[in-house]
Amino acid sequence: MYEFPLTGAQKTYLRGLGQRLEPALKVGKSGLTPEFFKELQRVLNRDELVKLRFLGADRDERAELCDAIADEGRCVCAGAVGHTALFYRQNPDPERRKVILPE
């Protein structure tokens, strides 16, 4: 499991940044496939912050999907509202970081 603790203020900051993002990936009826995780890794490596859209999943299923994506994708769920979730993974190279988190 990916461990990168975020404070409440940092999650709020990330959700503010995420409001302007369009969903980069969609989770549909095929669910979480290896291709989905490959694309998620590509987007997280490039942007650090990714917005996902869940199509046709109920509330409990969306919560389970968020946990599975965070575990398998080695990222942190910064927030989930309705059919949309926001995931973050900090770039290990400080010079390539696009998102600077508040302390």
Protein backbone atom coordinates (compact mmCIF):
# COMPACT_ATOMS: atom_id res chain seq x y z
CA MET A 1 0.00 0.00 0.00
CA TYR A 2 1.22 3.49 -0.88
CA GLU A 3 1.67 5.57 2.26
CA PHE A 4 1.77 9.30 1.75
CA PRO A 5 -0.18 11.01 4.53
CA LEU A 6 -1.98 14.19 3.57
CA THR A 7 -3.22 16.75 6.07
CA GLY A 8 -6.73 18.12 5.82
CA ALA A 9 -5.38 21.41 4.48
CA GLN A 10 -3.40 19.59 1.78
CA LYS A 11 -6.47 17.59 0.70
CA THR A 12 -8.49 20.80 0.55
CA TYR A 13 -5.78 22.42 -1.58
CA LEU A 14 -5.71 19.43 -3.95
CA ARG A 15 -9.50 19.41 -4.26
CA GLY A 16 -9.33 23.11 -5.17
CA LEU A 17 -6.84 22.32 -7.93
CA GLY A 18 -8.97 19.39 -9.05
CA GLN A 19 -12.05 21.52 -9.62
CA ARG A 20 -10.50 22.89 -12.80
CA LEU A 21 -9.51 19.47 -14.13
CA GLU A 22 -11.48 17.41 -16.58
CA PRO A 23 -11.70 13.69 -15.80
CA ALA A 24 -8.64 12.10 -17.40
CA LEU A 25 -9.84 8.52 -16.96
CA LYS A 26 -13.19 6.79 -16.69
CA VAL A 27 -13.97 3.57 -14.86
CA GLY A 28 -16.76 1.82 -16.72
CA LYS A 29 -18.41 -1.56 -16.80
CA SER A 30 -15.12 -3.37 -17.50
CA GLY A 31 -13.87 -2.18 -14.10
CA LEU A 32 -10.23 -1.94 -13.08
CA THR A 33 -8.21 -3.58 -15.81
CA PRO A 34 -4.42 -3.77 -16.21
CA GLU A 35 -4.75 -1.27 -19.06
CA PHE A 36 -6.55 1.14 -16.74
CA PHE A 37 -3.73 0.96 -14.19
CA LYS A 38 -1.10 1.37 -16.90
CA GLU A 39 -2.81 4.55 -18.09
CA LEU A 40 -3.26 5.74 -14.49
CA GLN A 41 0.48 5.35 -13.88
CA ARG A 42 1.25 7.31 -17.04
CA VAL A 43 -1.06 10.19 -16.07
CA LEU A 44 0.16 10.27 -12.44
CA ASN A 45 3.80 10.31 -13.56
CA ARG A 46 3.06 13.20 -15.90
CA ASP A 47 0.61 15.31 -13.87
CA GLU A 48 0.70 14.03 -10.25
CA LEU A 49 -3.01 14.84 -9.88
CA VAL A 50 -5.70 12.97 -11.78
CA LYS A 51 -9.48 13.17 -11.77
CA LEU A 52 -11.46 9.98 -12.40
CA ARG A 53 -15.09 9.48 -13.31
CA PHE A 54 -17.02 6.38 -12.26
CA LEU A 55 -19.73 5.33 -14.69
CA GLY A 56 -22.70 3.40 -13.34
CA ALA A 57 -21.29 2.48 -9.92
CA ASP A 58 -23.30 2.82 -6.71
CA ARG A 59 -21.99 4.55 -3.58
CA ASP A 60 -20.56 1.47 -1.84
CA GLU A 61 -18.97 0.22 -5.04
CA ARG A 62 -17.35 3.63 -5.65
CA ALA A 63 -15.80 3.59 -2.16
CA GLU A 64 -14.37 0.12 -2.81
CA LEU A 65 -13.06 1.23 -6.22
CA CYS A 66 -11.34 4.26 -4.65
CA ASP A 67 -9.59 2.02 -2.11
CA ALA A 68 -8.55 -0.45 -4.81
CA ILE A 69 -7.24 2.31 -7.09
CA ALA A 70 -5.27 3.89 -4.24
CA ASP A 71 -3.72 0.53 -3.30
CA GLU A 72 -2.97 -0.77 -6.78
CA GLY A 73 -2.10 2.62 -8.28
CA ARG A 74 0.21 3.61 -5.41
CA CYS A 75 -1.56 6.94 -4.95
CA VAL A 76 -3.73 8.75 -2.42
CA CYS A 77 -7.40 9.59 -2.80
CA ALA A 78 -7.60 13.33 -2.11
CA GLY A 79 -11.38 13.34 -2.30
CA ALA A 80 -14.43 11.72 -3.82
CA VAL A 81 -17.77 13.38 -4.49
CA GLY A 82 -20.54 11.67 -6.38
CA HIS A 83 -19.19 9.87 -9.44
CA THR A 84 -15.87 11.74 -9.40
CA ALA A 85 -12.67 11.07 -7.44
CA LEU A 86 -9.32 12.83 -7.26
CA PHE A 87 -6.03 10.95 -6.84
CA TYR A 88 -2.57 12.30 -6.08
CA ARG A 89 0.94 10.92 -6.12
CA GLN A 90 3.95 13.14 -5.52
CA ASN A 91 6.73 12.90 -8.07
CA PRO A 92 9.87 11.54 -6.38
CA ASP A 93 12.05 14.00 -8.32
CA PRO A 94 11.64 17.45 -6.68
CA GLU A 95 12.52 19.25 -9.92
CA ARG A 96 9.70 17.53 -11.85
CA ARG A 97 6.96 18.23 -9.30
CA LYS A 98 4.05 20.19 -10.69
CA VAL A 99 2.00 20.38 -7.49
CA ILE A 100 3.58 22.11 -4.50
CA LEU A 101 1.67 21.13 -1.37
CA PRO A 102 1.18 23.62 1.48
CA GLU A 103 2.75 22.66 4.80
